[in-house]
N, C-alpha and C. Protein backbone atom coordinates (compact mmCIF):
# COMPACT_ATOMS: atom_id res chain seq x y z
N MET A 1 0.84 -1.21 0.00
CA MET A 1 0.00 0.00 0.00
C MET A 1 0.87 1.25 0.00
N ALA A 2 1.91 1.21 0.82
CA ALA A 2 2.79 2.38 0.88
C ALA A 2 3.49 2.59 -0.44
N LYS A 3 3.88 1.46 -1.11
CA LYS A 3 4.56 1.59 -2.40
C LYS A 3 3.62 2.16 -3.44
N VAL A 4 2.35 1.75 -3.42
CA VAL A 4 1.37 2.27 -4.38
C VAL A 4 1.17 3.77 -4.18
N MET A 5 1.08 4.21 -2.91
CA MET A 5 0.89 5.64 -2.64
C MET A 5 2.09 6.44 -3.12
N LYS A 6 3.30 5.90 -2.90
CA LYS A 6 4.49 6.63 -3.35
C LYS A 6 4.53 6.68 -4.88
N ALA A 7 4.12 5.57 -5.54
CA ALA A 7 4.11 5.57 -7.00
C ALA A 7 3.14 6.61 -7.54
N ARG A 8 1.97 6.74 -6.87
CA ARG A 8 1.01 7.77 -7.30
C ARG A 8 1.55 9.16 -7.10
N LEU A 9 2.26 9.38 -5.99
CA LEU A 9 2.83 10.70 -5.75
C LEU A 9 3.90 11.03 -6.78
N VAL A 10 4.70 10.02 -7.16
CA VAL A 10 5.72 10.24 -8.19
C VAL A 10 5.07 10.60 -9.50
N LEU A 11 3.99 9.87 -9.86
CA LEU A 11 3.28 10.17 -11.11
C LEU A 11 2.70 11.58 -11.09
N ARG A 12 2.12 11.98 -9.95
CA ARG A 12 1.59 13.34 -9.85
C ARG A 12 2.69 14.37 -10.00
N CYS A 13 3.84 14.08 -9.42
CA CYS A 13 4.97 15.01 -9.52
C CYS A 13 5.40 15.19 -10.96
N ILE A 14 5.48 14.07 -11.70
CA ILE A 14 5.90 14.14 -13.11
C ILE A 14 4.89 14.91 -13.93
N VAL A 15 3.60 14.63 -13.72
CA VAL A 15 2.55 15.33 -14.47
C VAL A 15 2.57 16.82 -14.16
N LEU A 16 2.73 17.17 -12.88
CA LEU A 16 2.77 18.58 -12.48
C LEU A 16 3.95 19.29 -13.10
N ALA A 17 5.12 18.64 -13.09
CA ALA A 17 6.31 19.25 -13.68
C ALA A 17 6.13 19.47 -15.18
N ALA A 18 5.56 18.46 -15.86
CA ALA A 18 5.34 18.58 -17.31
C ALA A 18 4.37 19.72 -17.61
N ALA A 19 3.29 19.82 -16.83
CA ALA A 19 2.31 20.89 -17.05
C ALA A 19 2.91 22.27 -16.83
N CYS A 20 3.73 22.39 -15.77
CA CYS A 20 4.36 23.70 -15.49
C CYS A 20 5.34 24.09 -16.59
N LEU A 21 6.13 23.12 -17.05
CA LEU A 21 7.08 23.42 -18.12
C LEU A 21 6.35 23.79 -19.41
N LEU A 22 5.23 23.10 -19.68
CA LEU A 22 4.44 23.44 -20.86
C LEU A 22 3.89 24.85 -20.76
N ALA A 23 3.43 25.23 -19.56
CA ALA A 23 2.90 26.58 -19.36
C ALA A 23 3.99 27.63 -19.55
N VAL A 24 5.19 27.34 -19.02
CA VAL A 24 6.30 28.27 -19.19
C VAL A 24 6.64 28.45 -20.65
N SER A 25 6.70 27.33 -21.39
CA SER A 25 7.02 27.41 -22.82
C SER A 25 5.98 28.21 -23.59
N PHE A 26 4.70 28.02 -23.23
CA PHE A 26 3.63 28.74 -23.92
C PHE A 26 3.70 30.23 -23.65
N LEU A 27 3.93 30.59 -22.37
CA LEU A 27 3.99 32.01 -22.02
C LEU A 27 5.21 32.68 -22.64
N ALA A 28 6.32 31.97 -22.65
CA ALA A 28 7.53 32.56 -23.23
C ALA A 28 7.38 32.77 -24.73
N SER A 29 6.66 31.85 -25.40
CA SER A 29 6.49 31.98 -26.84
C SER A 29 5.55 33.12 -27.23
N ALA A 30 4.82 33.64 -26.23
CA ALA A 30 3.91 34.76 -26.52
C ALA A 30 4.64 36.05 -26.82
N PHE A 31 5.93 36.10 -26.48
CA PHE A 31 6.69 37.34 -26.66
C PHE A 31 7.77 37.17 -27.73
N VAL A 32 7.46 36.47 -28.80
CA VAL A 32 8.42 36.30 -29.88
C VAL A 32 8.46 37.56 -30.72
N ALA A 33 9.56 37.70 -31.41
CA ALA A 33 9.72 38.88 -32.25
C ALA A 33 8.82 38.80 -33.47
N PRO A 34 8.26 39.90 -33.91
CA PRO A 34 7.40 39.89 -35.11
C PRO A 34 8.21 39.65 -36.36
N ARG A 35 7.54 39.12 -37.39
CA ARG A 35 8.21 38.84 -38.65
C ARG A 35 8.57 40.14 -39.34
N SER A 36 9.79 40.19 -39.81
CA SER A 36 10.27 41.41 -40.48
C SER A 36 9.58 41.58 -41.81
N THR A 37 9.20 42.80 -42.13
CA THR A 37 8.51 43.10 -43.39
C THR A 37 9.36 43.91 -44.33
N GLY A 38 10.60 44.22 -43.88
CA GLY A 38 11.47 44.99 -44.74
C GLY A 38 11.28 46.47 -44.62
N SER A 39 10.31 46.90 -43.82
CA SER A 39 10.09 48.33 -43.63
C SER A 39 10.13 48.65 -42.16
N THR A 40 10.47 49.85 -41.82
CA THR A 40 10.56 50.28 -40.43
C THR A 40 9.20 50.67 -39.91
N ALA A 41 8.82 50.06 -38.80
CA ALA A 41 7.50 50.36 -38.23
C ALA A 41 7.54 51.69 -37.52
N PRO A 42 6.57 52.56 -37.77
CA PRO A 42 6.54 53.83 -37.06
C PRO A 42 6.25 53.63 -35.59
N ARG A 43 6.87 54.45 -34.73
CA ARG A 43 6.66 54.36 -33.30
C ARG A 43 5.39 55.11 -32.91
N GLY A 44 4.65 54.58 -31.95
CA GLY A 44 3.43 55.21 -31.48
C GLY A 44 2.56 54.20 -30.80
N ALA A 45 1.71 54.65 -29.88
CA ALA A 45 0.90 53.73 -29.12
C ALA A 45 -0.34 53.29 -29.89
N ALA A 46 -0.78 54.10 -30.88
CA ALA A 46 -2.01 53.80 -31.59
C ALA A 46 -1.80 52.64 -32.55
N VAL A 47 -2.82 51.83 -32.73
CA VAL A 47 -2.75 50.72 -33.67
C VAL A 47 -3.03 51.26 -35.06
N GLN A 48 -2.15 50.89 -36.02
CA GLN A 48 -2.30 51.38 -37.38
C GLN A 48 -2.30 50.19 -38.31
N LEU A 49 -3.18 50.23 -39.29
CA LEU A 49 -3.27 49.17 -40.27
C LEU A 49 -3.08 49.76 -41.66
N GLN A 50 -2.27 49.03 -42.47
CA GLN A 50 -2.13 49.43 -43.85
C GLN A 50 -3.34 48.91 -44.63
N ALA A 51 -3.38 49.24 -45.89
CA ALA A 51 -4.53 48.83 -46.70
C ALA A 51 -4.66 47.32 -46.75
N GLY A 52 -3.54 46.62 -46.72
CA GLY A 52 -3.58 45.15 -46.80
C GLY A 52 -3.88 44.50 -45.47
N GLY A 53 -4.09 45.27 -44.42
CA GLY A 53 -4.39 44.70 -43.12
C GLY A 53 -3.17 44.39 -42.29
N GLU A 54 -1.96 44.81 -42.68
CA GLU A 54 -0.73 44.50 -41.95
C GLU A 54 -0.56 45.47 -40.79
N TYR A 55 -0.18 44.92 -39.60
CA TYR A 55 0.00 45.73 -38.40
C TYR A 55 1.27 46.56 -38.51
N THR A 56 1.13 47.86 -38.28
CA THR A 56 2.30 48.76 -38.37
C THR A 56 2.44 49.61 -37.13
N GLY A 57 1.81 49.17 -35.99
CA GLY A 57 1.85 49.94 -34.77
C GLY A 57 3.14 49.70 -33.99
N PHE A 58 3.08 50.00 -32.69
CA PHE A 58 4.26 49.90 -31.83
C PHE A 58 4.67 48.44 -31.63
N VAL A 59 5.94 48.17 -31.80
CA VAL A 59 6.52 46.84 -31.60
C VAL A 59 7.68 46.98 -30.62
N PRO A 60 7.69 46.22 -29.48
CA PRO A 60 8.81 46.32 -28.53
C PRO A 60 10.12 45.93 -29.21
N ASP A 61 11.17 46.64 -28.84
CA ASP A 61 12.47 46.29 -29.41
C ASP A 61 12.99 45.01 -28.78
N MET A 62 14.12 44.50 -29.29
CA MET A 62 14.66 43.23 -28.84
C MET A 62 14.99 43.21 -27.35
N GLN A 63 15.54 44.30 -26.83
CA GLN A 63 15.90 44.35 -25.42
C GLN A 63 14.67 44.22 -24.53
N ARG A 64 13.59 44.88 -24.91
CA ARG A 64 12.37 44.78 -24.11
C ARG A 64 11.77 43.38 -24.19
N ARG A 65 11.81 42.77 -25.38
CA ARG A 65 11.27 41.42 -25.51
C ARG A 65 12.07 40.43 -24.67
N GLN A 66 13.38 40.59 -24.65
CA GLN A 66 14.21 39.70 -23.83
C GLN A 66 13.90 39.87 -22.35
N LEU A 67 13.68 41.12 -21.92
CA LEU A 67 13.34 41.37 -20.52
C LEU A 67 12.00 40.74 -20.17
N MET A 68 11.01 40.86 -21.06
CA MET A 68 9.71 40.26 -20.82
C MET A 68 9.81 38.74 -20.75
N ASN A 69 10.59 38.14 -21.65
CA ASN A 69 10.79 36.69 -21.61
C ASN A 69 11.41 36.26 -20.29
N PHE A 70 12.40 37.02 -19.83
CA PHE A 70 13.08 36.67 -18.57
C PHE A 70 12.12 36.75 -17.39
N VAL A 71 11.28 37.80 -17.35
CA VAL A 71 10.34 37.95 -16.25
C VAL A 71 9.34 36.80 -16.23
N VAL A 72 8.82 36.43 -17.40
CA VAL A 72 7.84 35.35 -17.47
C VAL A 72 8.45 34.02 -17.04
N VAL A 73 9.62 33.71 -17.56
CA VAL A 73 10.27 32.43 -17.24
C VAL A 73 10.64 32.37 -15.76
N ALA A 74 11.20 33.47 -15.22
CA ALA A 74 11.60 33.48 -13.81
C ALA A 74 10.41 33.34 -12.88
N SER A 75 9.34 34.09 -13.17
CA SER A 75 8.16 34.03 -12.30
C SER A 75 7.48 32.67 -12.35
N SER A 76 7.62 31.95 -13.45
CA SER A 76 7.02 30.62 -13.54
C SER A 76 7.94 29.54 -12.98
N ALA A 77 9.26 29.74 -13.12
CA ALA A 77 10.21 28.72 -12.69
C ALA A 77 10.32 28.63 -11.18
N ILE A 78 10.19 29.77 -10.48
CA ILE A 78 10.37 29.75 -9.01
C ILE A 78 9.36 28.84 -8.32
N PRO A 79 8.03 28.98 -8.56
CA PRO A 79 7.09 28.05 -7.91
C PRO A 79 7.27 26.60 -8.35
N VAL A 80 7.68 26.39 -9.62
CA VAL A 80 7.92 25.02 -10.08
C VAL A 80 9.06 24.39 -9.30
N LEU A 81 10.14 25.14 -9.12
CA LEU A 81 11.29 24.61 -8.38
C LEU A 81 10.94 24.35 -6.92
N VAL A 82 10.11 25.23 -6.34
CA VAL A 82 9.70 25.02 -4.94
C VAL A 82 8.90 23.73 -4.81
N LEU A 83 7.96 23.49 -5.73
CA LEU A 83 7.15 22.27 -5.69
C LEU A 83 8.01 21.03 -5.89
N LEU A 84 8.89 21.08 -6.88
CA LEU A 84 9.74 19.93 -7.13
C LEU A 84 10.69 19.68 -5.97
N GLY A 85 11.16 20.76 -5.34
CA GLY A 85 12.03 20.60 -4.18
C GLY A 85 11.32 19.93 -3.02
N GLY A 86 10.02 20.28 -2.83
CA GLY A 86 9.25 19.64 -1.77
C GLY A 86 9.06 18.16 -2.01
N TYR A 87 8.76 17.79 -3.27
CA TYR A 87 8.62 16.37 -3.58
C TYR A 87 9.95 15.64 -3.41
N ALA A 88 11.04 16.25 -3.84
CA ALA A 88 12.36 15.62 -3.70
C ALA A 88 12.72 15.42 -2.24
N TRP A 89 12.37 16.40 -1.40
CA TRP A 89 12.66 16.29 0.04
C TRP A 89 11.87 15.14 0.66
N TYR A 90 10.63 14.93 0.16
CA TYR A 90 9.79 13.85 0.70
C TYR A 90 10.34 12.48 0.31
N PHE A 91 10.70 12.33 -0.98
CA PHE A 91 11.14 11.01 -1.44
C PHE A 91 12.59 10.71 -1.11
N PHE A 92 13.40 11.74 -0.93
CA PHE A 92 14.81 11.54 -0.62
C PHE A 92 15.19 12.39 0.58
N PRO A 93 14.68 12.05 1.78
CA PRO A 93 14.99 12.84 2.97
C PRO A 93 16.46 12.73 3.33
N PRO A 94 17.04 13.77 3.95
CA PRO A 94 18.45 13.70 4.35
C PRO A 94 18.63 12.67 5.45
N VAL A 95 19.64 11.86 5.31
CA VAL A 95 19.95 10.87 6.33
C VAL A 95 21.37 11.09 6.80
N SER A 96 21.57 10.86 8.08
CA SER A 96 22.90 11.05 8.64
C SER A 96 23.76 9.85 8.33
N SER A 97 25.03 10.05 8.16
CA SER A 97 25.97 8.98 7.90
C SER A 97 26.43 8.38 9.21
N GLY A 98 26.74 7.08 9.13
CA GLY A 98 27.24 6.41 10.33
C GLY A 98 26.14 6.24 11.35
N SER A 99 26.53 6.05 12.62
CA SER A 99 25.56 5.78 13.65
C SER A 99 24.83 7.05 14.10
N GLY A 100 25.46 8.20 13.91
CA GLY A 100 24.82 9.45 14.27
C GLY A 100 24.85 9.69 15.76
N GLY A 101 24.48 10.90 16.16
CA GLY A 101 24.47 11.25 17.57
C GLY A 101 23.14 10.93 18.21
N ALA A 102 23.10 10.97 19.54
CA ALA A 102 21.88 10.68 20.28
C ALA A 102 20.90 11.84 20.14
N GLN A 103 19.62 11.50 20.05
CA GLN A 103 18.55 12.49 19.96
C GLN A 103 17.69 12.39 21.20
N THR A 104 17.45 13.52 21.84
CA THR A 104 16.66 13.54 23.07
C THR A 104 15.23 13.08 22.81
N CYS A 105 14.72 12.21 23.67
CA CYS A 105 13.35 11.72 23.55
C CYS A 105 12.37 12.78 24.05
N GLY A 106 11.20 12.85 23.43
CA GLY A 106 10.18 13.81 23.82
C GLY A 106 8.92 13.12 24.29
N ASP A 107 8.16 13.81 25.13
CA ASP A 107 6.87 13.27 25.56
C ASP A 107 5.82 13.59 24.51
N VAL A 108 4.54 13.45 24.86
CA VAL A 108 3.48 13.65 23.89
C VAL A 108 3.45 15.08 23.36
N ASN A 109 3.98 16.02 24.14
CA ASN A 109 4.04 17.42 23.71
C ASN A 109 5.39 17.81 23.14
N GLY A 110 6.29 16.85 23.04
CA GLY A 110 7.61 17.12 22.49
C GLY A 110 8.62 17.63 23.50
N ASN A 111 8.23 17.68 24.77
CA ASN A 111 9.16 18.14 25.81
C ASN A 111 10.14 17.04 26.18
N PRO A 112 11.40 17.39 26.47
CA PRO A 112 12.40 16.39 26.85
C PRO A 112 11.97 15.60 28.08
N ILE A 113 12.27 14.31 28.07
CA ILE A 113 11.93 13.43 29.18
C ILE A 113 13.19 13.21 30.02
N THR A 114 13.15 13.62 31.27
CA THR A 114 14.31 13.45 32.14
C THR A 114 14.35 12.02 32.67
N PHE A 115 15.56 11.56 32.93
CA PHE A 115 15.75 10.21 33.45
C PHE A 115 15.11 10.06 34.83
N ASP A 116 15.26 11.07 35.67
CA ASP A 116 14.71 10.99 37.03
C ASP A 116 13.19 10.85 37.01
N SER A 117 12.53 11.65 36.18
CA SER A 117 11.06 11.57 36.11
C SER A 117 10.61 10.23 35.54
N TRP A 118 11.38 9.69 34.63
CA TRP A 118 11.03 8.38 34.05
C TRP A 118 11.11 7.29 35.12
N VAL A 119 12.20 7.27 35.86
CA VAL A 119 12.39 6.24 36.89
C VAL A 119 11.30 6.32 37.94
N LYS A 120 10.91 7.53 38.31
CA LYS A 120 9.87 7.70 39.34
C LYS A 120 8.50 7.22 38.86
N GLY A 121 8.25 7.32 37.58
CA GLY A 121 6.92 7.00 37.06
C GLY A 121 6.78 5.64 36.42
N HIS A 122 7.85 4.81 36.44
CA HIS A 122 7.79 3.52 35.77
C HIS A 122 8.37 2.41 36.63
N ARG A 123 7.87 1.21 36.41
CA ARG A 123 8.36 0.03 37.12
C ARG A 123 9.18 -0.84 36.18
N ASP A 124 9.80 -1.85 36.77
CA ASP A 124 10.58 -2.80 36.00
C ASP A 124 9.72 -3.45 34.91
N ASN A 125 10.27 -3.50 33.68
CA ASN A 125 9.62 -4.12 32.52
C ASN A 125 8.46 -3.31 31.95
N ASP A 126 8.26 -2.08 32.44
CA ASP A 126 7.27 -1.20 31.80
C ASP A 126 7.78 -0.74 30.45
N ARG A 127 6.84 -0.50 29.56
CA ARG A 127 7.17 0.01 28.23
C ARG A 127 6.23 1.16 27.91
N GLU A 128 6.81 2.25 27.43
CA GLU A 128 5.98 3.42 27.09
C GLU A 128 6.54 4.10 25.85
N LEU A 129 5.61 4.64 25.05
CA LEU A 129 6.01 5.30 23.82
C LEU A 129 6.57 6.70 24.09
N VAL A 130 7.60 7.05 23.34
CA VAL A 130 8.18 8.40 23.37
C VAL A 130 8.42 8.84 21.94
N GLN A 131 8.63 10.12 21.76
CA GLN A 131 9.03 10.63 20.45
C GLN A 131 10.53 10.42 20.31
N GLY A 132 10.90 9.60 19.33
CA GLY A 132 12.30 9.26 19.15
C GLY A 132 12.90 9.84 17.89
N LEU A 133 13.66 9.03 17.16
CA LEU A 133 14.32 9.47 15.93
C LEU A 133 13.29 9.96 14.92
N LYS A 134 13.53 11.15 14.38
CA LYS A 134 12.65 11.77 13.39
C LYS A 134 11.22 11.91 13.89
N GLY A 135 11.05 11.94 15.22
CA GLY A 135 9.72 12.10 15.81
C GLY A 135 8.87 10.85 15.78
N GLU A 136 9.45 9.71 15.42
CA GLU A 136 8.68 8.48 15.34
C GLU A 136 8.50 7.88 16.73
N PRO A 137 7.44 7.06 16.90
CA PRO A 137 7.14 6.50 18.22
C PRO A 137 8.02 5.30 18.56
N PHE A 138 8.80 5.43 19.61
CA PHE A 138 9.68 4.35 20.08
C PHE A 138 9.27 3.94 21.49
N TYR A 139 9.41 2.65 21.76
CA TYR A 139 9.20 2.14 23.11
C TYR A 139 10.51 2.19 23.89
N ILE A 140 10.48 2.85 25.04
CA ILE A 140 11.57 2.77 26.00
C ILE A 140 11.19 1.70 27.02
N ILE A 141 12.14 0.82 27.33
CA ILE A 141 11.87 -0.32 28.22
C ILE A 141 12.55 -0.07 29.56
N SER A 142 11.78 -0.09 30.62
CA SER A 142 12.30 0.18 31.96
C SER A 142 12.92 -1.07 32.58
N THR A 143 13.90 -0.85 33.46
CA THR A 143 14.48 -1.90 34.28
C THR A 143 14.27 -1.52 35.74
N ALA A 144 14.81 -2.34 36.65
CA ALA A 144 14.62 -2.07 38.08
C ALA A 144 15.25 -0.75 38.50
N ASP A 145 16.35 -0.36 37.83
CA ASP A 145 17.05 0.85 38.24
C ASP A 145 17.30 1.82 37.08
N GLY A 146 16.62 1.64 35.97
CA GLY A 146 16.85 2.54 34.85
C GLY A 146 16.10 2.11 33.60
N ILE A 147 16.82 2.06 32.46
CA ILE A 147 16.23 1.65 31.19
C ILE A 147 17.17 0.69 30.49
N LYS A 148 16.61 -0.13 29.58
CA LYS A 148 17.44 -1.00 28.76
C LYS A 148 18.19 -0.17 27.73
N ASP A 149 19.25 -0.75 27.18
CA ASP A 149 20.11 -0.01 26.27
C ASP A 149 19.61 -0.02 24.83
N PHE A 150 18.39 -0.46 24.62
CA PHE A 150 17.81 -0.40 23.27
C PHE A 150 16.35 0.02 23.37
N ALA A 151 15.88 0.63 22.29
CA ALA A 151 14.48 1.03 22.17
C ALA A 151 13.90 0.36 20.93
N LEU A 152 12.57 0.27 20.87
CA LEU A 152 11.89 -0.42 19.78
C LEU A 152 10.95 0.53 19.04
N LEU A 153 11.09 0.58 17.73
CA LEU A 153 10.15 1.35 16.92
C LEU A 153 8.81 0.62 16.94
N SER A 154 7.74 1.32 17.25
CA SER A 154 6.43 0.67 17.45
C SER A 154 5.65 0.44 16.17
N VAL A 155 6.27 0.63 15.02
CA VAL A 155 5.57 0.49 13.74
C VAL A 155 5.66 -0.95 13.25
N CYS A 156 4.51 -1.57 13.04
CA CYS A 156 4.46 -2.95 12.56
C CYS A 156 5.11 -3.06 11.19
N THR A 157 5.89 -4.12 10.98
CA THR A 157 6.59 -4.29 9.71
C THR A 157 5.70 -4.88 8.62
N HIS A 158 4.42 -5.08 8.93
CA HIS A 158 3.50 -5.58 7.91
C HIS A 158 2.94 -4.42 7.09
N LEU A 159 2.09 -3.60 7.72
CA LEU A 159 1.48 -2.47 7.01
C LEU A 159 1.59 -1.15 7.76
N GLY A 160 2.43 -1.11 8.80
CA GLY A 160 2.71 0.17 9.44
C GLY A 160 1.81 0.58 10.57
N CYS A 161 1.02 -0.33 11.12
CA CYS A 161 0.19 0.02 12.28
C CYS A 161 1.08 0.18 13.52
N VAL A 162 0.62 1.01 14.46
CA VAL A 162 1.33 1.14 15.73
C VAL A 162 0.97 -0.07 16.60
N VAL A 163 2.01 -0.75 17.09
CA VAL A 163 1.81 -2.00 17.82
C VAL A 163 1.80 -1.73 19.33
N PRO A 164 0.71 -2.04 20.02
CA PRO A 164 0.66 -1.84 21.47
C PRO A 164 1.32 -2.99 22.23
N TRP A 165 1.77 -2.69 23.45
CA TRP A 165 2.34 -3.70 24.33
C TRP A 165 1.22 -4.29 25.17
N VAL A 166 1.09 -5.62 25.12
CA VAL A 166 0.08 -6.32 25.90
C VAL A 166 0.81 -7.01 27.05
N LYS A 167 0.73 -6.41 28.22
CA LYS A 167 1.50 -6.90 29.37
C LYS A 167 1.08 -8.29 29.80
N SER A 168 -0.21 -8.58 29.73
CA SER A 168 -0.69 -9.89 30.18
C SER A 168 -0.15 -11.03 29.33
N ALA A 169 0.13 -10.75 28.05
CA ALA A 169 0.68 -11.77 27.15
C ALA A 169 2.19 -11.65 27.00
N ASN A 170 2.76 -10.60 27.58
CA ASN A 170 4.20 -10.34 27.47
C ASN A 170 4.63 -10.26 26.01
N GLN A 171 3.79 -9.62 25.19
CA GLN A 171 4.04 -9.49 23.76
C GLN A 171 3.56 -8.14 23.24
N PHE A 172 4.14 -7.76 22.09
CA PHE A 172 3.57 -6.67 21.29
C PHE A 172 2.62 -7.33 20.30
N GLN A 173 1.37 -6.91 20.29
CA GLN A 173 0.36 -7.52 19.42
C GLN A 173 -0.28 -6.46 18.54
N CYS A 174 -0.15 -6.67 17.24
CA CYS A 174 -0.71 -5.71 16.28
C CYS A 174 -2.22 -5.90 16.19
N PRO A 175 -3.00 -4.83 16.39
CA PRO A 175 -4.46 -4.95 16.33
C PRO A 175 -5.01 -5.02 14.90
N CYS A 176 -4.18 -4.75 13.91
CA CYS A 176 -4.67 -4.70 12.53
C CYS A 176 -4.81 -6.09 11.90
N HIS A 177 -3.73 -6.88 11.93
CA HIS A 177 -3.76 -8.18 11.26
C HIS A 177 -3.17 -9.30 12.12
N GLY A 178 -2.96 -9.04 13.41
CA GLY A 178 -2.60 -10.11 14.33
C GLY A 178 -1.13 -10.46 14.44
N SER A 179 -0.25 -9.66 13.86
CA SER A 179 1.18 -9.95 14.01
C SER A 179 1.59 -9.82 15.48
N ARG A 180 2.55 -10.65 15.88
CA ARG A 180 3.00 -10.62 17.27
C ARG A 180 4.52 -10.59 17.35
N TYR A 181 4.99 -9.90 18.39
CA TYR A 181 6.43 -9.76 18.63
C TYR A 181 6.69 -10.06 20.10
N ASP A 182 7.87 -10.64 20.38
CA ASP A 182 8.18 -10.94 21.77
C ASP A 182 8.59 -9.68 22.52
N GLU A 183 9.02 -9.83 23.77
CA GLU A 183 9.31 -8.67 24.62
C GLU A 183 10.45 -7.81 24.10
N ASN A 184 11.28 -8.37 23.21
CA ASN A 184 12.38 -7.61 22.61
C ASN A 184 12.08 -7.14 21.20
N GLY A 185 10.84 -7.34 20.76
CA GLY A 185 10.44 -6.88 19.44
C GLY A 185 10.72 -7.84 18.30
N LYS A 186 11.13 -9.08 18.62
CA LYS A 186 11.38 -10.07 17.57
C LYS A 186 10.06 -10.67 17.11
N VAL A 187 9.85 -10.74 15.80
CA VAL A 187 8.59 -11.25 15.28
C VAL A 187 8.46 -12.74 15.59
N VAL A 188 7.30 -13.13 16.12
CA VAL A 188 7.05 -14.53 16.44
C VAL A 188 5.83 -15.07 15.70
N ARG A 189 5.04 -14.18 15.12
CA ARG A 189 3.91 -14.62 14.31
C ARG A 189 3.59 -13.57 13.27
N GLY A 190 3.31 -14.04 12.04
CA GLY A 190 3.01 -13.16 10.93
C GLY A 190 1.59 -12.61 11.01
N PRO A 191 1.23 -11.85 9.96
CA PRO A 191 1.91 -11.75 8.66
C PRO A 191 3.12 -10.81 8.60
N ALA A 192 3.49 -10.17 9.70
CA ALA A 192 4.66 -9.29 9.68
C ALA A 192 5.90 -10.11 9.29
N PRO A 193 6.69 -9.63 8.32
CA PRO A 193 7.85 -10.42 7.88
C PRO A 193 9.13 -10.17 8.67
N LEU A 194 9.17 -9.06 9.41
CA LEU A 194 10.41 -8.66 10.07
C LEU A 194 10.16 -8.24 11.52
N SER A 195 11.22 -8.23 12.30
CA SER A 195 11.13 -7.77 13.68
C SER A 195 11.04 -6.25 13.73
N LEU A 196 10.64 -5.72 14.88
CA LEU A 196 10.57 -4.27 15.04
C LEU A 196 11.97 -3.67 14.99
N ALA A 197 12.07 -2.49 14.42
CA ALA A 197 13.36 -1.82 14.28
C ALA A 197 13.91 -1.43 15.64
N LEU A 198 15.24 -1.45 15.74
CA LEU A 198 15.92 -1.12 16.99
C LEU A 198 16.52 0.28 16.95
N ALA A 199 16.76 0.83 18.13
CA ALA A 199 17.54 2.06 18.29
C ALA A 199 18.27 1.94 19.62
N HIS A 200 19.40 2.60 19.72
CA HIS A 200 20.13 2.63 20.99
C HIS A 200 19.40 3.57 21.95
N ALA A 201 19.28 3.17 23.20
CA ALA A 201 18.68 4.01 24.24
C ALA A 201 19.73 4.31 25.29
N SER A 202 19.74 5.56 25.75
CA SER A 202 20.75 5.97 26.72
C SER A 202 20.25 7.19 27.49
N VAL A 203 21.08 7.66 28.40
CA VAL A 203 20.80 8.89 29.14
C VAL A 203 21.86 9.91 28.75
N SER A 204 21.41 11.06 28.25
CA SER A 204 22.33 12.10 27.80
C SER A 204 21.95 13.42 28.46
N ASN A 205 22.88 13.97 29.23
CA ASN A 205 22.63 15.24 29.93
C ASN A 205 21.38 15.19 30.81
N GLY A 206 21.15 14.03 31.42
CA GLY A 206 20.01 13.88 32.30
C GLY A 206 18.69 13.56 31.63
N ASN A 207 18.69 13.47 30.30
CA ASN A 207 17.47 13.17 29.55
C ASN A 207 17.58 11.83 28.83
N LEU A 208 16.44 11.20 28.58
CA LEU A 208 16.42 9.99 27.77
C LEU A 208 16.76 10.35 26.33
N ALA A 209 17.52 9.47 25.68
CA ALA A 209 17.93 9.74 24.30
C ALA A 209 18.00 8.44 23.53
N VAL A 210 17.81 8.54 22.22
CA VAL A 210 17.93 7.39 21.32
C VAL A 210 18.87 7.76 20.19
N ALA A 211 19.52 6.73 19.63
CA ALA A 211 20.44 6.93 18.53
C ALA A 211 20.26 5.79 17.53
N PRO A 212 20.58 6.01 16.25
CA PRO A 212 20.39 4.96 15.23
C PRO A 212 21.17 3.69 15.57
N TRP A 213 20.57 2.56 15.28
CA TRP A 213 21.18 1.25 15.46
C TRP A 213 21.65 0.78 14.09
N THR A 214 22.94 0.70 13.89
CA THR A 214 23.48 0.34 12.58
C THR A 214 24.23 -0.98 12.58
N GLU A 215 24.48 -1.53 13.76
CA GLU A 215 25.20 -2.80 13.81
C GLU A 215 24.25 -3.99 13.72
N GLN A 216 24.79 -5.18 13.92
CA GLN A 216 24.01 -6.41 13.79
C GLN A 216 22.85 -6.46 14.78
N ASP A 217 21.74 -7.01 14.33
CA ASP A 217 20.56 -7.18 15.17
C ASP A 217 20.83 -8.34 16.14
N PHE A 218 20.89 -8.05 17.44
CA PHE A 218 21.23 -9.08 18.41
C PHE A 218 20.16 -10.16 18.52
N ARG A 219 18.94 -9.90 18.05
CA ARG A 219 17.86 -10.87 18.16
C ARG A 219 17.91 -11.91 17.06
N THR A 220 18.44 -11.53 15.89
CA THR A 220 18.44 -12.43 14.74
C THR A 220 19.84 -12.78 14.25
N GLY A 221 20.84 -11.98 14.67
CA GLY A 221 22.19 -12.21 14.17
C GLY A 221 22.40 -11.71 12.76
N LEU A 222 21.44 -10.93 12.22
CA LEU A 222 21.51 -10.42 10.86
C LEU A 222 21.76 -8.92 10.86
N ASP A 223 22.16 -8.41 9.69
CA ASP A 223 22.30 -6.95 9.55
C ASP A 223 20.93 -6.30 9.67
N PRO A 224 20.85 -5.10 10.20
CA PRO A 224 19.53 -4.45 10.36
C PRO A 224 18.87 -4.15 9.03
N TRP A 225 17.61 -4.53 8.91
CA TRP A 225 16.88 -4.28 7.68
C TRP A 225 16.49 -2.81 7.51
N TRP A 226 16.48 -2.05 8.62
CA TRP A 226 15.99 -0.66 8.59
C TRP A 226 17.06 0.33 8.19
N LYS A 227 18.25 -0.10 7.88
CA LYS A 227 19.32 0.83 7.50
C LYS A 227 19.01 1.48 6.16
């Protein structure tokens, strides 16, 4: 489904770009130089017609026509470039190289979550969603005296539903199509094909923080699929 939506957006982008370029070409062609008749046209604002119906009124000189062409092309190109830039930013977002630095976790309002407040409000093996990398929802896992050194992206690897933690079953269970993951986010029942994505969890300057996980997945022994 996600691939189909992206394909439609790409198609819309191409159609929009083609339409804008066609409009620019049409507007620019409206200011072409008139065909030379071998005679000098008299200057004046009034429209004059010869007996044969030929226009002999005011005709902008070459410098003015070039200026008009430039204004039309520039005014049309700027919004086109802005639109194309927005689509390019969506399909090719900037990604950091390497493991990257830690990003402070945020609560539901985006405020930093301090380690002390987390410890006071959570028990061993509690799991709660925070705003993590790129603002996505990550589970921070509590221990008896702090947090585990990894966090779990709560997005199901089947169709992208947010997966809740079911404490009574000691599993993450997707409400959409029944996929299940163990306490560490490893997939144990489909239709989800992959385990939940990992991130490093730590405490930075007194706040909870997460960082990209780029090394081997300790649950499967494989390279991370989310890289």
